């Protein structure tokens, strides 16, 4: 994230908005190796990742232990209505 200050700023604003709404889970859809999911967690957001690729999820779980990552498709999310406060993709 050091090389992308604009991305960090947008994510910080997003995290502020999530907290202003009272917090709650945030889905990082298409999380890949989990760098955004992990960064949001560092910003005190209850983020979890979803990705279509089992291989990418293996990398995410290896690089970010203790963070929740799930297999899934953004075109068929297994999330109940109103079950997340926010979503990044």
C-alpha atoms as a PDB file:
ATOM      1  CA  UNK A   1       0.000   0.000   0.000  1.00  0.00           C
ATOM      2  CA  UNK A   2       3.035   2.306   0.320  1.00  0.00           C
ATOM      3  CA  UNK A   3       3.144   2.769  -3.459  1.00  0.00           C
ATOM      4  CA  UNK A   4      -0.513   3.798  -3.753  1.00  0.00           C
ATOM      5  CA  UNK A   5      -1.221   6.869  -1.592  1.00  0.00           C
ATOM      6  CA  UNK A   6      -4.407   7.680  -3.520  1.00  0.00           C
ATOM      7  CA  UNK A   7      -5.771   4.206  -2.873  1.00  0.00           C
ATOM      8  CA  UNK A   8      -4.882   4.510   0.818  1.00  0.00           C
ATOM      9  CA  UNK A   9      -6.699   7.849   1.026  1.00  0.00           C
ATOM     10  CA  UNK A  10      -9.860   6.481  -0.610  1.00  0.00           C
ATOM     11  CA  UNK A  11      -9.840   3.439   1.675  1.00  0.00           C
ATOM     12  CA  UNK A  12      -9.342   5.654   4.739  1.00  0.00           C
ATOM     13  CA  UNK A  13     -12.370   7.724   3.713  1.00  0.00           C
ATOM     14  CA  UNK A  14     -14.367   4.538   3.121  1.00  0.00           C
ATOM     15  CA  UNK A  15     -13.355   3.232   6.565  1.00  0.00           C
ATOM     16  CA  UNK A  16     -14.440   6.541   8.139  1.00  0.00           C
ATOM     17  CA  UNK A  17     -17.846   6.247   6.447  1.00  0.00           C
ATOM     18  CA  UNK A  18     -18.282   2.650   7.635  1.00  0.00           C
ATOM     19  CA  UNK A  19     -17.441   3.627  11.209  1.00  0.00           C
ATOM     20  CA  UNK A  20     -19.793   6.639  10.999  1.00  0.00           C
ATOM     21  CA  UNK A  21     -22.616   4.229  10.142  1.00  0.00           C
ATOM     22  CA  UNK A  22     -21.835   2.230  13.282  1.00  0.00           C
ATOM     23  CA  UNK A  23     -19.438  -0.290  11.782  1.00  0.00           C
ATOM     24  CA  UNK A  24     -20.357  -3.783  10.718  1.00  0.00           C
ATOM     25  CA  UNK A  25     -19.012  -6.255   8.208  1.00  0.00           C
ATOM     26  CA  UNK A  26     -17.546  -5.152   4.894  1.00  0.00           C
ATOM     27  CA  UNK A  27     -17.082  -7.536   1.968  1.00  0.00           C
ATOM     28  CA  UNK A  28     -14.033  -7.181  -0.270  1.00  0.00           C
ATOM     29  CA  UNK A  29     -15.371  -8.900  -3.389  1.00  0.00           C
ATOM     30  CA  UNK A  30     -12.685 -10.089  -5.756  1.00  0.00           C
ATOM     31  CA  UNK A  31     -10.154  -9.803  -2.937  1.00  0.00           C
ATOM     32  CA  UNK A  32      -7.345 -11.640  -4.731  1.00  0.00           C
ATOM     33  CA  UNK A  33      -4.360 -11.940  -2.408  1.00  0.00           C
ATOM     34  CA  UNK A  34      -6.175  -9.988   0.303  1.00  0.00           C
ATOM     35  CA  UNK A  35      -4.112  -6.799   0.491  1.00  0.00           C
ATOM     36  CA  UNK A  36      -7.155  -4.495   0.517  1.00  0.00           C
ATOM     37  CA  UNK A  37      -8.999  -6.720   3.006  1.00  0.00           C
ATOM     38  CA  UNK A  38      -5.993  -6.702   5.328  1.00  0.00           C
ATOM     39  CA  UNK A  39      -5.558  -2.936   4.967  1.00  0.00           C
ATOM     40  CA  UNK A  40      -9.194  -2.334   5.879  1.00  0.00           C
ATOM     41  CA  UNK A  41      -8.714  -4.523   8.948  1.00  0.00           C
ATOM     42  CA  UNK A  42      -5.768  -2.307   9.933  1.00  0.00           C
ATOM     43  CA  UNK A  43      -8.186   0.631   9.677  1.00  0.00           C
ATOM     44  CA  UNK A  44     -10.472  -1.094  12.235  1.00  0.00           C
ATOM     45  CA  UNK A  45     -13.021  -2.237   9.666  1.00  0.00           C
ATOM     46  CA  UNK A  46     -14.543  -5.711  10.075  1.00  0.00           C
ATOM     47  CA  UNK A  47     -13.566  -6.683   6.517  1.00  0.00           C
ATOM     48  CA  UNK A  48     -13.602 -10.133   4.966  1.00  0.00           C
ATOM     49  CA  UNK A  49     -12.597 -11.240   1.490  1.00  0.00           C
ATOM     50  CA  UNK A  50     -14.415 -13.183  -1.214  1.00  0.00           C
ATOM     51  CA  UNK A  51     -12.713 -14.483  -4.337  1.00  0.00           C
ATOM     52  CA  UNK A  52     -13.442 -16.935  -7.124  1.00  0.00           C
ATOM     53  CA  UNK A  53      -9.915 -18.383  -7.164  1.00  0.00           C
ATOM     54  CA  UNK A  54      -8.976 -21.009  -4.566  1.00  0.00           C
ATOM     55  CA  UNK A  55      -5.304 -20.326  -5.358  1.00  0.00           C
ATOM     56  CA  UNK A  56      -5.642 -16.624  -4.588  1.00  0.00           C
ATOM     57  CA  UNK A  57      -7.462 -17.453  -1.369  1.00  0.00           C
ATOM     58  CA  UNK A  58      -4.582 -19.738  -0.384  1.00  0.00           C
ATOM     59  CA  UNK A  59      -2.189 -16.807  -0.856  1.00  0.00           C
ATOM     60  CA  UNK A  60      -4.502 -14.440   1.045  1.00  0.00           C
ATOM     61  CA  UNK A  61      -4.845 -16.843   3.967  1.00  0.00           C
ATOM     62  CA  UNK A  62      -1.090 -17.443   4.039  1.00  0.00           C
ATOM     63  CA  UNK A  63      -0.188 -13.749   3.893  1.00  0.00           C
ATOM     64  CA  UNK A  64      -2.946 -12.528   6.208  1.00  0.00           C
ATOM     65  CA  UNK A  65      -3.583 -15.150   8.900  1.00  0.00           C
ATOM     66  CA  UNK A  66      -6.574 -14.497  11.091  1.00  0.00           C
ATOM     67  CA  UNK A  67      -8.464 -12.626   8.342  1.00  0.00           C
ATOM     68  CA  UNK A  68     -11.604 -14.287   6.969  1.00  0.00           C
ATOM     69  CA  UNK A  69     -11.532 -15.245   3.288  1.00  0.00           C
ATOM     70  CA  UNK A  70     -14.271 -17.153   1.478  1.00  0.00           C
ATOM     71  CA  UNK A  71     -14.671 -18.768  -1.930  1.00  0.00           C
ATOM     72  CA  UNK A  72     -17.399 -17.101  -3.959  1.00  0.00           C
ATOM     73  CA  UNK A  73     -18.393 -15.269  -7.093  1.00  0.00           C
ATOM     74  CA  UNK A  74     -19.390 -11.618  -7.300  1.00  0.00           C
ATOM     75  CA  UNK A  75     -22.230 -12.614  -9.616  1.00  0.00           C
ATOM     76  CA  UNK A  76     -23.660 -15.009  -7.017  1.00  0.00           C
ATOM     77  CA  UNK A  77     -22.788 -13.744  -3.546  1.00  0.00           C
ATOM     78  CA  UNK A  78     -23.871 -15.935  -0.655  1.00  0.00           C
ATOM     79  CA  UNK A  79     -24.732 -12.911   1.490  1.00  0.00           C
ATOM     80  CA  UNK A  80     -28.106 -12.237   3.030  1.00  0.00           C
ATOM     81  CA  UNK A  81     -29.787  -8.947   2.196  1.00  0.00           C
ATOM     82  CA  UNK A  82     -28.524  -6.106   4.405  1.00  0.00           C
ATOM     83  CA  UNK A  83     -25.895  -8.381   6.005  1.00  0.00           C
ATOM     84  CA  UNK A  84     -22.978  -6.064   5.223  1.00  0.00           C
ATOM     85  CA  UNK A  85     -22.402  -2.413   5.974  1.00  0.00           C
ATOM     86  CA  UNK A  86     -20.273  -1.905   2.875  1.00  0.00           C
ATOM     87  CA  UNK A  87     -18.665  -3.570  -0.095  1.00  0.00           C
ATOM     88  CA  UNK A  88     -15.485  -2.905  -2.052  1.00  0.00           C
ATOM     89  CA  UNK A  89     -14.712  -4.559  -5.354  1.00  0.00           C
END
